[in-house]
Amino acid sequence: MSALAQFPYQPSDTSQTVHYIDEVQIRIATAAACDHEATICPECARSWQREHLFTERLPWDHPDTDT
């Protein structure tokens, strides 16, 4: 799962915060196997969405409709 994440930091030579945006990979897991920190599942997806912009659809939000 790809997502964009913001990483704010303060360089040592300034008092201003700089915001760095990077693409990150998050592993998808079942709810039973998810640690809610390094992996994402339907139970913790909302908390991830507060800090990440997903660049792909979450599989449980848009299930495959092929028959």
C-alpha atoms as a PDB file:
ATOM      1  CA  MET A   1       0.000   0.000   0.000  1.00  0.00           C
ATOM      2  CA  SER A   2       1.472   3.356  -1.010  1.00  0.00           C
ATOM      3  CA  ALA A   3       0.829   6.553   0.910  1.00  0.00           C
ATOM      4  CA  LEU A   4       2.222  10.056   1.231  1.00  0.00           C
ATOM      5  CA  ALA A   5       3.390  11.060   4.690  1.00  0.00           C
ATOM      6  CA  GLN A   6       4.494  14.393   6.089  1.00  0.00           C
ATOM      7  CA  PHE A   7       7.622  14.501   8.214  1.00  0.00           C
ATOM      8  CA  PRO A   8       8.055  17.838   9.997  1.00  0.00           C
ATOM      9  CA  TYR A   9      11.496  18.667  11.374  1.00  0.00           C
ATOM     10  CA  GLN A  10      13.430  21.681  12.557  1.00  0.00           C
ATOM     11  CA  PRO A  11      16.897  22.210  11.075  1.00  0.00           C
ATOM     12  CA  SER A  12      19.523  23.216  13.617  1.00  0.00           C
ATOM     13  CA  ASP A  13      20.231  26.525  11.861  1.00  0.00           C
ATOM     14  CA  THR A  14      16.654  27.891  12.035  1.00  0.00           C
ATOM     15  CA  SER A  15      13.680  28.115  14.340  1.00  0.00           C
ATOM     16  CA  GLN A  16      11.221  27.310  11.546  1.00  0.00           C
ATOM     17  CA  THR A  17       9.730  23.877  11.024  1.00  0.00           C
ATOM     18  CA  VAL A  18      10.256  22.348   7.587  1.00  0.00           C
ATOM     19  CA  HIS A  19       7.708  19.870   6.227  1.00  0.00           C
ATOM     20  CA  TYR A  20       9.094  17.046   4.136  1.00  0.00           C
ATOM     21  CA  ILE A  21       6.655  14.853   2.190  1.00  0.00           C
ATOM     22  CA  ASP A  22       7.687  11.365   1.146  1.00  0.00           C
ATOM     23  CA  GLU A  23       6.044   8.290  -0.326  1.00  0.00           C
ATOM     24  CA  VAL A  24       5.976   5.392   2.119  1.00  0.00           C
ATOM     25  CA  GLN A  25       4.955   1.754   1.870  1.00  0.00           C
ATOM     26  CA  ILE A  26       2.597   0.301   4.480  1.00  0.00           C
ATOM     27  CA  ARG A  27       1.987  -3.426   4.714  1.00  0.00           C
ATOM     28  CA  ILE A  28      -1.610  -4.630   4.749  1.00  0.00           C
ATOM     29  CA  ALA A  29      -2.531  -7.183   7.408  1.00  0.00           C
ATOM     30  CA  THR A  30      -5.582  -8.944   8.752  1.00  0.00           C
ATOM     31  CA  ALA A  31      -7.031  -7.473  11.940  1.00  0.00           C
ATOM     32  CA  ALA A  32      -5.731 -10.456  13.920  1.00  0.00           C
ATOM     33  CA  ALA A  33      -2.169 -10.044  12.618  1.00  0.00           C
ATOM     34  CA  CYS A  34      -1.972  -6.226  12.564  1.00  0.00           C
ATOM     35  CA  ASP A  35       0.249  -4.413  15.064  1.00  0.00           C
ATOM     36  CA  HIS A  36      -1.385  -1.056  14.104  1.00  0.00           C
ATOM     37  CA  GLU A  37       2.050   0.606  13.824  1.00  0.00           C
ATOM     38  CA  ALA A  38       3.943  -0.980  10.929  1.00  0.00           C
ATOM     39  CA  THR A  39       0.907  -2.570   9.282  1.00  0.00           C
ATOM     40  CA  ILE A  40      -2.617  -1.448   8.421  1.00  0.00           C
ATOM     41  CA  CYS A  41      -5.926  -3.290   8.760  1.00  0.00           C
ATOM     42  CA  PRO A  42      -9.609  -2.301   8.568  1.00  0.00           C
ATOM     43  CA  GLU A  43      -9.643  -1.633  12.335  1.00  0.00           C
ATOM     44  CA  CYS A  44      -6.799   0.926  12.353  1.00  0.00           C
ATOM     45  CA  ALA A  45      -7.165   2.448   8.873  1.00  0.00           C
ATOM     46  CA  ARG A  46      -8.867   5.603  10.196  1.00  0.00           C
ATOM     47  CA  SER A  47      -5.927   6.410  12.460  1.00  0.00           C
ATOM     48  CA  TRP A  48      -3.517   5.991   9.528  1.00  0.00           C
ATOM     49  CA  GLN A  49      -5.663   8.306   7.389  1.00  0.00           C
ATOM     50  CA  ARG A  50      -5.113  11.173   9.845  1.00  0.00           C
ATOM     51  CA  GLU A  51      -1.412  11.307   8.976  1.00  0.00           C
ATOM     52  CA  HIS A  52      -1.204   9.693   5.533  1.00  0.00           C
ATOM     53  CA  LEU A  53      -2.694  10.324   2.116  1.00  0.00           C
ATOM     54  CA  PHE A  54      -3.196   6.949   0.462  1.00  0.00           C
ATOM     55  CA  THR A  55      -2.222   6.827  -3.199  1.00  0.00           C
ATOM     56  CA  GLU A  56      -3.950   3.476  -3.677  1.00  0.00           C
ATOM     57  CA  ARG A  57      -7.382   2.183  -2.737  1.00  0.00           C
ATOM     58  CA  LEU A  58      -7.698   0.251   0.484  1.00  0.00           C
ATOM     59  CA  PRO A  59      -8.820  -3.273  -0.462  1.00  0.00           C
ATOM     60  CA  TRP A  60     -11.675  -3.342   2.057  1.00  0.00           C
ATOM     61  CA  ASP A  61     -13.075   0.033   0.926  1.00  0.00           C
ATOM     62  CA  HIS A  62     -13.444  -1.045  -2.684  1.00  0.00           C
ATOM     63  CA  PRO A  63     -13.726  -4.821  -2.832  1.00  0.00           C
ATOM     64  CA  ASP A  64     -13.086  -6.525  -6.120  1.00  0.00           C
ATOM     65  CA  THR A  65     -16.414  -6.778  -7.942  1.00  0.00           C
ATOM     66  CA  ASP A  66     -15.342  -9.220 -10.648  1.00  0.00           C
ATOM     67  CA  THR A  67     -17.669 -12.200 -10.914  1.00  0.00           C
END
